[in-house]
Protein backbone atom coordinates (compact mmCIF):
# COMPACT_ATOMS: atom_id res chain seq x y z
CA UNK A 1 42.16 88.76 -44.44
CA UNK A 2 38.62 89.52 -45.64
CA UNK A 3 35.91 87.21 -44.33
CA UNK A 4 32.41 86.93 -45.81
CA UNK A 5 29.23 85.35 -44.51
CA UNK A 6 26.73 84.36 -47.21
CA UNK A 7 23.06 85.30 -46.84
CA UNK A 8 22.10 81.64 -46.71
CA UNK A 9 22.73 78.19 -48.08
CA UNK A 10 22.65 77.91 -51.88
CA UNK A 11 23.34 75.27 -54.46
CA UNK A 12 25.20 77.79 -56.60
CA UNK A 13 28.98 77.48 -56.51
CA UNK A 14 30.89 80.19 -54.62
CA UNK A 15 31.75 83.21 -56.78
CA UNK A 16 35.21 84.79 -56.81
CA UNK A 17 35.95 88.35 -57.85
CA UNK A 18 37.88 87.13 -60.91
CA UNK A 19 34.88 85.03 -61.98
CA UNK A 20 32.62 88.04 -61.51
CA UNK A 21 34.86 90.09 -63.79
CA UNK A 22 34.82 87.35 -66.43
CA UNK A 23 31.04 87.18 -66.18
CA UNK A 24 30.71 90.90 -66.72
CA UNK A 25 33.00 90.78 -69.76
CA UNK A 26 30.98 87.95 -71.25
CA UNK A 27 27.46 89.24 -70.61
CA UNK A 28 27.37 92.94 -69.82
CA UNK A 29 26.22 95.25 -72.62
CA UNK A 30 28.96 97.79 -71.96
CA UNK A 31 31.64 95.30 -72.96
CA UNK A 32 29.72 94.50 -76.14
CA UNK A 33 29.33 98.21 -76.88
CA UNK A 34 33.09 98.72 -76.54
CA UNK A 35 33.67 95.87 -78.98
CA UNK A 36 31.18 97.23 -81.51
CA UNK A 37 32.64 100.71 -81.33
CA UNK A 38 35.94 99.18 -82.40
CA UNK A 39 34.19 97.37 -85.25
CA UNK A 40 32.67 100.69 -86.37
CA UNK A 41 36.10 102.34 -86.27
CA UNK A 42 37.54 99.57 -88.43
CA UNK A 43 34.72 100.12 -90.92
CA UNK A 44 35.57 103.84 -91.08
CA UNK A 45 39.16 102.93 -91.88
CA UNK A 46 38.00 100.74 -94.75
CA UNK A 47 35.84 103.59 -95.99
CA UNK A 48 38.83 105.94 -95.96
CA UNK A 49 40.90 103.31 -97.78
CA UNK A 50 38.25 103.10 -100.51
CA UNK A 51 39.37 106.54 -101.72
CA UNK A 52 42.40 104.85 -103.28
CA UNK A 53 40.36 102.32 -105.28
CA UNK A 54 38.38 102.82 -108.51
CA UNK A 55 34.63 103.27 -108.69
CA UNK A 56 32.82 101.05 -111.21
CA UNK A 57 29.19 101.68 -112.18
CA UNK A 58 26.87 99.77 -114.50
CA UNK A 59 23.71 101.40 -115.82
CA UNK A 60 21.05 99.53 -117.79
CA UNK A 61 18.19 101.19 -119.65
CA UNK A 62 15.15 99.79 -121.42
CA UNK A 63 13.19 102.04 -123.75
CA UNK A 64 9.79 101.35 -125.37
CA UNK A 65 8.72 103.74 -128.13
CA UNK A 66 5.38 102.62 -129.67
CA UNK A 67 5.35 105.49 -132.19
CA UNK A 68 8.31 103.95 -134.03
CA UNK A 69 8.30 100.90 -136.24
CA UNK A 70 7.64 97.61 -134.52
CA UNK A 71 11.26 96.56 -135.07
CA UNK A 72 12.62 99.54 -133.14
CA UNK A 73 9.88 99.83 -130.52
CA UNK A 74 11.98 98.16 -127.77
CA UNK A 75 15.55 99.17 -127.15
CA UNK A 76 17.96 97.98 -124.45
CA UNK A 77 21.34 99.51 -123.71
CA UNK A 78 23.92 99.15 -120.98
CA UNK A 79 26.74 101.41 -119.85
CA UNK A 80 29.77 100.37 -117.80
CA UNK A 81 31.69 103.29 -116.29
CA UNK A 82 34.92 103.29 -114.33
CA UNK A 83 36.72 106.09 -112.52
CA UNK A 84 40.06 105.89 -110.77
CA UNK A 85 41.41 108.75 -108.68
CA UNK A 86 45.07 109.03 -109.60
CA UNK A 87 45.70 111.93 -107.25
CA UNK A 88 43.40 113.52 -104.69
CA UNK A 89 45.33 115.33 -101.98
CA UNK A 90 42.36 115.22 -99.57
CA UNK A 91 42.48 111.42 -99.34
CA UNK A 92 45.90 111.35 -97.64
CA UNK A 93 45.07 113.27 -94.42
CA UNK A 94 41.66 111.57 -94.25
CA UNK A 95 43.25 108.11 -94.43
CA UNK A 96 45.98 109.05 -91.95
CA UNK A 97 43.33 110.33 -89.53
CA UNK A 98 41.31 107.13 -89.92
CA UNK A 99 44.35 104.98 -89.09
CA UNK A 100 45.04 107.02 -85.97
CA UNK A 101 41.39 106.94 -85.02
CA UNK A 102 41.25 103.16 -85.03
CA UNK A 103 44.30 103.07 -82.75
CA UNK A 104 42.58 105.56 -80.45
CA UNK A 105 39.35 103.56 -80.49
CA UNK A 106 41.22 100.35 -79.73
CA UNK A 107 42.66 102.02 -76.63
CA UNK A 108 39.29 103.50 -75.64
CA UNK A 109 37.53 100.16 -76.02
CA UNK A 110 40.20 98.47 -73.90
CA UNK A 111 39.84 101.21 -71.29
CA UNK A 112 36.05 100.84 -71.27
CA UNK A 113 36.42 97.11 -70.60
CA UNK A 114 39.01 97.78 -67.88
CA UNK A 115 36.73 100.28 -66.15
CA UNK A 116 33.89 97.80 -66.36
CA UNK A 117 36.08 95.22 -64.65
CA UNK A 118 36.68 97.65 -61.79
CA UNK A 119 32.97 98.43 -61.60
CA UNK A 120 32.27 94.72 -61.20
CA UNK A 121 35.05 94.34 -58.63
CA UNK A 122 33.80 97.28 -56.59
CA UNK A 123 30.23 95.97 -56.68
CA UNK A 124 31.58 92.61 -55.54
CA UNK A 125 33.31 94.22 -52.54
CA UNK A 126 30.27 96.34 -51.67
CA UNK A 127 28.15 93.18 -51.62
CA UNK A 128 30.70 91.38 -49.44
CA UNK A 129 30.77 94.30 -47.01
CA UNK A 130 26.98 94.50 -46.83
CA UNK A 131 26.69 90.78 -46.12
CA UNK A 132 29.33 90.91 -43.42
CA UNK A 133 27.50 93.86 -41.86
CA UNK A 134 24.36 91.72 -41.92
CA UNK A 135 26.20 88.92 -40.11
CA UNK A 136 27.28 91.38 -37.41
CA UNK A 137 23.68 92.62 -37.08
CA UNK A 138 22.37 89.09 -36.73
CA UNK A 139 24.90 88.33 -34.02
CA UNK A 140 23.70 91.43 -32.18
CA UNK A 141 20.11 90.15 -32.40
CA UNK A 142 21.17 86.78 -31.02
CA UNK A 143 23.07 88.42 -28.16
CA UNK A 144 20.10 90.69 -27.37
CA UNK A 145 17.77 87.68 -27.36
CA UNK A 146 20.00 85.78 -24.92
CA UNK A 147 20.29 88.87 -22.74
CA UNK A 148 16.51 89.22 -22.64
CA UNK A 149 16.07 85.56 -21.68
CA UNK A 150 18.66 85.95 -18.93
CA UNK A 151 17.03 89.12 -17.67
CA UNK A 152 13.57 87.50 -17.58
CA UNK A 153 15.03 84.61 -15.58
CA UNK A 154 16.69 87.01 -13.16
CA UNK A 155 13.47 88.96 -12.74
CA UNK A 156 11.59 85.76 -11.92
CA UNK A 157 14.25 85.12 -9.32
CA UNK A 158 13.63 88.63 -7.97
CA UNK A 159 17.22 89.63 -8.72
CA UNK A 160 16.28 92.52 -11.03
CA UNK A 161 13.26 94.70 -11.61
CA UNK A 162 10.77 94.93 -14.46
CA UNK A 163 12.58 97.97 -15.81
CA UNK A 164 15.60 95.78 -16.68
CA UNK A 165 13.37 93.51 -18.76
CA UNK A 166 11.94 96.51 -20.57
CA UNK A 167 15.42 97.75 -21.44
CA UNK A 168 16.42 94.30 -22.69
CA UNK A 169 13.27 94.19 -24.83
CA UNK A 170 14.09 97.62 -26.23
CA UNK A 171 17.63 96.47 -27.14
CA UNK A 172 16.25 93.37 -28.88
CA UNK A 173 13.75 95.43 -30.88
CA UNK A 174 16.50 97.89 -31.88
CA UNK A 175 18.82 95.06 -32.90
CA UNK A 176 16.06 93.45 -34.98
CA UNK A 177 15.35 96.76 -36.71
CA UNK A 178 19.02 97.23 -37.62
CA UNK A 179 19.24 93.63 -38.82
CA UNK A 180 16.22 94.17 -41.09
CA UNK A 181 17.91 97.22 -42.61
CA UNK A 182 21.18 95.33 -43.04
CA UNK A 183 19.37 92.44 -44.73
CA UNK A 184 17.64 94.81 -47.14
CA UNK A 185 20.99 96.45 -47.96
CA UNK A 186 22.70 93.08 -48.48
CA UNK A 187 19.87 91.92 -50.74
CA UNK A 188 19.95 95.16 -52.72
CA UNK A 189 23.70 95.04 -53.30
CA UNK A 190 23.52 91.39 -54.36
CA UNK A 191 20.77 92.24 -56.84
CA UNK A 192 22.88 95.09 -58.21
CA UNK A 193 25.84 92.73 -58.62
CA UNK A 194 23.64 90.22 -60.43
CA UNK A 195 22.31 92.93 -62.72
CA UNK A 196 25.85 93.95 -63.57
CA UNK A 197 26.85 90.35 -64.28
CA UNK A 198 23.69 89.66 -66.27
CA UNK A 199 22.90 86.60 -64.15
CA UNK A 200 21.53 85.96 -60.63
CA UNK A 201 24.09 85.66 -57.85
CA UNK A 202 22.82 83.18 -55.28
CA UNK A 203 25.96 81.51 -53.98
CA UNK A 204 28.51 82.67 -51.44
CA UNK A 205 31.07 85.28 -52.44
CA UNK A 206 34.72 84.37 -51.99
CA UNK A 207 36.69 87.34 -50.61
CA UNK A 208 39.82 88.29 -52.57
CA UNK A 209 43.10 87.72 -50.79
CA UNK A 210 45.21 90.33 -52.57
CA UNK A 211 43.60 93.62 -51.58
CA UNK A 212 45.66 94.43 -48.51
CA UNK A 213 47.74 97.59 -48.93
CA UNK A 214 51.47 97.07 -49.31
CA UNK A 215 54.45 99.38 -49.25
CA UNK A 216 54.49 100.91 -52.69
CA UNK A 217 56.47 103.35 -54.80
CA UNK A 218 56.56 107.10 -54.16
CA UNK A 219 53.61 109.03 -55.62
CA UNK A 220 55.74 110.73 -58.29
CA UNK A 221 56.89 107.36 -59.62
CA UNK A 222 53.35 106.03 -59.49
CA UNK A 223 52.20 108.99 -61.58
CA UNK A 224 54.85 108.21 -64.17
CA UNK A 225 53.72 104.59 -64.23
CA UNK A 226 50.08 105.61 -64.63
CA UNK A 227 50.88 107.95 -67.52
CA UNK A 228 52.65 105.06 -69.21
CA UNK A 229 49.89 102.52 -68.63
CA UNK A 230 46.64 104.48 -68.83
CA UNK A 231 44.86 103.76 -72.12
CA UNK A 232 42.54 106.75 -71.83
CA UNK A 233 45.37 109.31 -71.76
CA UNK A 234 47.09 107.56 -74.68
CA UNK A 235 43.79 107.63 -76.58
CA UNK A 236 43.38 111.34 -75.82
CA UNK A 237 46.81 112.02 -77.30
CA UNK A 238 45.89 110.04 -80.40
CA UNK A 239 42.62 111.95 -80.71
CA UNK A 240 44.66 115.14 -80.74
CA UNK A 241 46.75 113.68 -83.57
CA UNK A 242 43.56 112.77 -85.45
CA UNK A 243 42.34 116.35 -85.14
CA UNK A 244 45.72 117.55 -86.40
CA UNK A 245 45.44 115.42 -89.56
CA UNK A 246 41.87 116.49 -90.21
CA UNK A 247 42.83 120.16 -89.89
CA UNK A 248 45.02 119.73 -92.99
CA UNK A 249 42.24 118.31 -95.17
CA UNK A 250 40.44 121.60 -96.08
CA UNK A 251 43.69 123.06 -97.49
CA UNK A 252 44.13 119.98 -99.67
CA UNK A 253 41.04 121.07 -101.59
CA UNK A 254 43.06 123.86 -103.21
CA UNK A 255 45.14 121.24 -105.04
CA UNK A 256 43.77 119.91 -108.36
CA UNK A 257 42.57 116.31 -108.51
CA UNK A 258 43.41 113.95 -111.37
CA UNK A 259 41.29 110.96 -112.33
CA UNK A 260 41.26 108.36 -115.07
CA UNK A 261 37.85 107.62 -116.56
CA UNK A 262 36.62 104.94 -118.91
CA UNK A 263 33.24 104.00 -120.37
CA UNK A 264 31.85 101.17 -122.44
CA UNK A 265 28.32 101.27 -123.91
CA UNK A 266 26.37 98.63 -125.73
CA UNK A 267 22.88 98.79 -127.22
CA UNK A 268 20.46 96.36 -128.81
CA UNK A 269 19.88 98.93 -131.55
CA UNK A 270 22.65 100.42 -133.61
CA UNK A 271 20.57 103.53 -134.07
CA UNK A 272 20.55 104.26 -130.36
CA UNK A 273 24.22 105.34 -130.39
CA UNK A 274 24.84 105.20 -134.10
CA UNK A 275 26.38 101.76 -133.60
CA UNK A 276 25.67 98.91 -131.23
CA UNK A 277 28.71 99.51 -128.98
CA UNK A 278 30.98 102.38 -128.04
CA UNK A 279 33.81 103.05 -125.57
CA UNK A 280 36.33 105.65 -124.54
CA UNK A 281 39.06 106.33 -121.95
CA UNK A 282 40.27 109.67 -120.72
CA UNK A 283 41.49 111.78 -117.88
CA UNK A 284 39.74 114.41 -115.75
CA UNK A 285 41.53 117.29 -114.08
CA UNK A 286 39.43 119.14 -111.54
CA UNK A 287 40.50 122.29 -109.79
CA UNK A 288 38.11 123.97 -107.34
CA UNK A 289 39.32 127.55 -107.67
CA UNK A 290 36.76 129.07 -105.31
CA UNK A 291 34.04 127.49 -103.18
CA UNK A 292 32.67 130.56 -101.48
CA UNK A 293 35.13 130.33 -98.59
CA UNK A 294 33.77 127.01 -97.30
CA UNK A 295 37.14 125.25 -97.09
CA UNK A 296 38.74 128.11 -95.19
CA UNK A 297 35.84 128.21 -92.73
CA UNK A 298 36.22 124.45 -92.21
CA UNK A 299 39.95 124.92 -91.78
CA UNK A 300 39.35 127.44 -88.96
CA UNK A 301 36.81 125.11 -87.35
CA UNK A 302 39.15 122.11 -87.46
CA UNK A 303 42.07 124.15 -86.15
CA UNK A 304 39.92 125.08 -83.16
CA UNK A 305 38.93 121.44 -82.68
CA UNK A 306 42.60 120.49 -82.90
CA UNK A 307 43.40 122.87 -80.04
CA UNK A 308 40.45 121.53 -78.05
CA UNK A 309 41.70 117.95 -78.48
CA UNK A 310 45.22 118.97 -77.44
CA UNK A 311 43.87 120.73 -74.34
CA UNK A 312 41.72 117.70 -73.47
CA UNK A 313 44.75 115.43 -73.73
CA UNK A 314 46.74 117.74 -71.46
CA UNK A 315 43.86 117.93 -68.97
CA UNK A 316 43.59 114.13 -68.96
CA UNK A 317 47.28 113.82 -68.08
CA UNK A 318 46.96 116.37 -65.28
CA UNK A 319 43.90 114.50 -63.98
CA UNK A 320 45.98 111.32 -63.78
CA UNK A 321 48.44 113.08 -61.46
CA UNK A 322 45.60 114.19 -59.19
CA UNK A 323 43.86 110.80 -59.28
CA UNK A 324 47.00 108.89 -58.31
CA UNK A 325 47.97 111.22 -55.48
CA UNK A 326 44.45 111.24 -54.06
CA UNK A 327 44.26 107.45 -54.29
CA UNK A 328 47.57 107.10 -52.42
CA UNK A 329 46.27 109.39 -49.66
CA UNK A 330 43.02 107.40 -49.50
CA UNK A 331 44.88 104.09 -49.17
CA UNK A 332 47.02 105.41 -46.33
CA UNK A 333 43.99 106.90 -44.55
CA UNK A 334 42.05 103.66 -44.97
CA UNK A 335 44.98 101.66 -43.59
CA UNK A 336 45.14 103.87 -40.47
CA UNK A 337 41.37 103.82 -39.98
CA UNK A 338 41.27 100.04 -40.24
CA UNK A 339 44.00 99.61 -37.62
CA UNK A 340 42.08 101.83 -35.18
CA UNK A 341 38.75 100.16 -35.97
CA UNK A 342 40.22 96.69 -35.49
CA UNK A 343 41.65 97.74 -32.14
CA UNK A 344 38.26 99.03 -31.04
CA UNK A 345 36.59 95.85 -32.31
CA UNK A 346 38.89 93.81 -30.05
CA UNK A 347 38.30 95.98 -26.97
CA UNK A 348 34.54 96.53 -27.23
CA UNK A 349 33.46 92.85 -26.86
CA UNK A 350 35.81 92.47 -23.92
CA UNK A 351 34.20 95.52 -22.31
CA UNK A 352 30.73 94.08 -23.00
CA UNK A 353 31.68 90.79 -21.33
CA UNK A 354 33.06 92.61 -18.30
CA UNK A 355 29.91 94.74 -17.95
CA UNK A 356 27.74 91.62 -18.28
CA UNK A 357 29.73 89.94 -15.50
CA UNK A 358 29.29 93.01 -13.28
CA UNK A 359 25.56 92.99 -14.07
CA UNK A 360 25.24 89.38 -12.94
CA UNK A 361 26.95 90.39 -9.70
CA UNK A 362 24.53 93.30 -9.27
CA UNK A 363 27.29 95.86 -9.80
CA UNK A 364 25.98 97.23 -13.10
CA UNK A 365 22.58 98.18 -14.47
CA UNK A 366 20.68 96.88 -17.48
CA UNK A 367 21.35 100.23 -19.14
CA UNK A 368 25.09 99.63 -18.75
CA UNK A 369 24.72 96.20 -20.39
CA UNK A 370 22.70 97.62 -23.30
CA UNK A 371 25.18 100.45 -23.79
CA UNK A 372 28.14 98.05 -23.78
CA UNK A 373 26.34 95.80 -26.26
CA UNK A 374 25.68 98.72 -28.60
CA UNK A 375 29.30 99.80 -28.37
CA UNK A 376 30.49 96.29 -29.21
CA UNK A 377 28.12 96.12 -32.18
CA UNK A 378 29.16 99.55 -33.43
CA UNK A 379 32.85 98.73 -33.09
CA UNK A 380 32.51 95.45 -34.98
CA UNK A 381 30.41 97.13 -37.67
CA UNK A 382 32.99 99.90 -38.00
CA UNK A 383 35.74 97.31 -38.33
CA UNK A 384 33.84 95.62 -41.15
CA UNK A 385 33.25 98.94 -42.88
CA UNK A 386 36.87 100.03 -42.61
CA UNK A 387 38.11 96.64 -43.81
CA UNK A 388 36.13 96.92 -47.02
CA UNK A 389 36.80 100.64 -47.36
CA UNK A 390 40.50 99.77 -47.32
CA UNK A 391 40.01 97.06 -49.95
CA UNK A 392 38.08 99.47 -52.17
CA UNK A 393 40.77 102.13 -51.77
CA UNK A 394 43.38 99.63 -52.99
CA UNK A 395 41.10 98.78 -55.90
CA UNK A 396 40.75 102.48 -56.70
CA UNK A 397 44.53 102.94 -56.69
CA UNK A 398 44.90 100.09 -59.16
CA UNK A 399 42.22 101.63 -61.33
CA UNK A 400 43.93 105.01 -61.60
CA UNK A 401 47.31 103.33 -62.17
CA UNK A 402 46.00 101.69 -65.34
CA UNK A 403 46.34 98.06 -64.22
CA UNK A 404 43.60 95.46 -63.92
CA UNK A 405 41.77 94.65 -60.64
CA UNK A 406 44.35 92.02 -59.74
CA UNK A 407 47.20 94.51 -60.15
CA UNK A 408 48.50 93.12 -63.43
CA UNK A 409 49.24 95.27 -66.44
CA UNK A 410 47.06 94.82 -69.50
CA UNK A 411 43.37 94.58 -70.22
CA UNK A 412 41.28 92.15 -68.11
């Protein structure tokens, strides 16, 4: 069970990790960027689809010729042109690539939002850990202050010497220094969390209850699950398919294109065209027999890019295998370290109490008391650190598996 101590009383309601994630999704610019990248991809698909629709153009012209008779000095004509591409082989791979690209972008945008959720969750845990470390430091200061008061009283009773008071003062000063550092760290991490959320975080943080490691599947099965769930690897495969479609486009330029054309013209003066209106319809056949080798150069370039995309997709899948296996090792190591740290955290205060009792009986020195106090502080601080290191390792495993911070499948 994770326990947090807030920096101080606040009117702001306690903040849970789930609420922090929702806040990031609502206010952080990275989430908005992911959404707008998807909008841009949808616009590119519409642009590719426009290749299958006609182009219509209207042109108006006004002409003033003062050298002519007054009747014909001003002339106005308009032209309405339409062109419809009946067959253009290039449009098919371009449109297919655009459809795949929007699927890839949808996955990449979802992955960007998922990663942002984990960034918020990790920042939340870092802040919790820093504040709990601050609480430990403050308890050390309080213990050192009581020890100093007790030592001063014992010196006045001639039970100990001045040197014992000096050592107690040194321990108090050291504890206060460490507490100041811990407070600065806790404040800094809370500010970073607030910056990520786009709003100040003044209330207490509620520790999550579902970040304890549990017996899980074998690494090989986890890798299979990650490859199935990870949006970034799926997007990389789609990007390779996009590059494959685009590599076909230059060769499509060797195929003739067929278009239907039509034009209607009207003028205010019959003499402008010979009559006041005119129209025609027809067909254009265009065949680019030779373009200086440009299409073949582009073909070679896009074939190379296709291979690059395929290699990137393969590298992404191999990286998933490494990420999952390393995360599993980290979780197991964190679990072991926490068990040992918790054991030390239980023993160290007991040792400090025993040394303090011996000191009151004159069987231990002030140096022994200070040393035992430092050991107790260090053990408790290590326990806090390992507790949150374990929670972060579980969070990291979920991240590489492709699930959300709560362990559920799907985008947060």
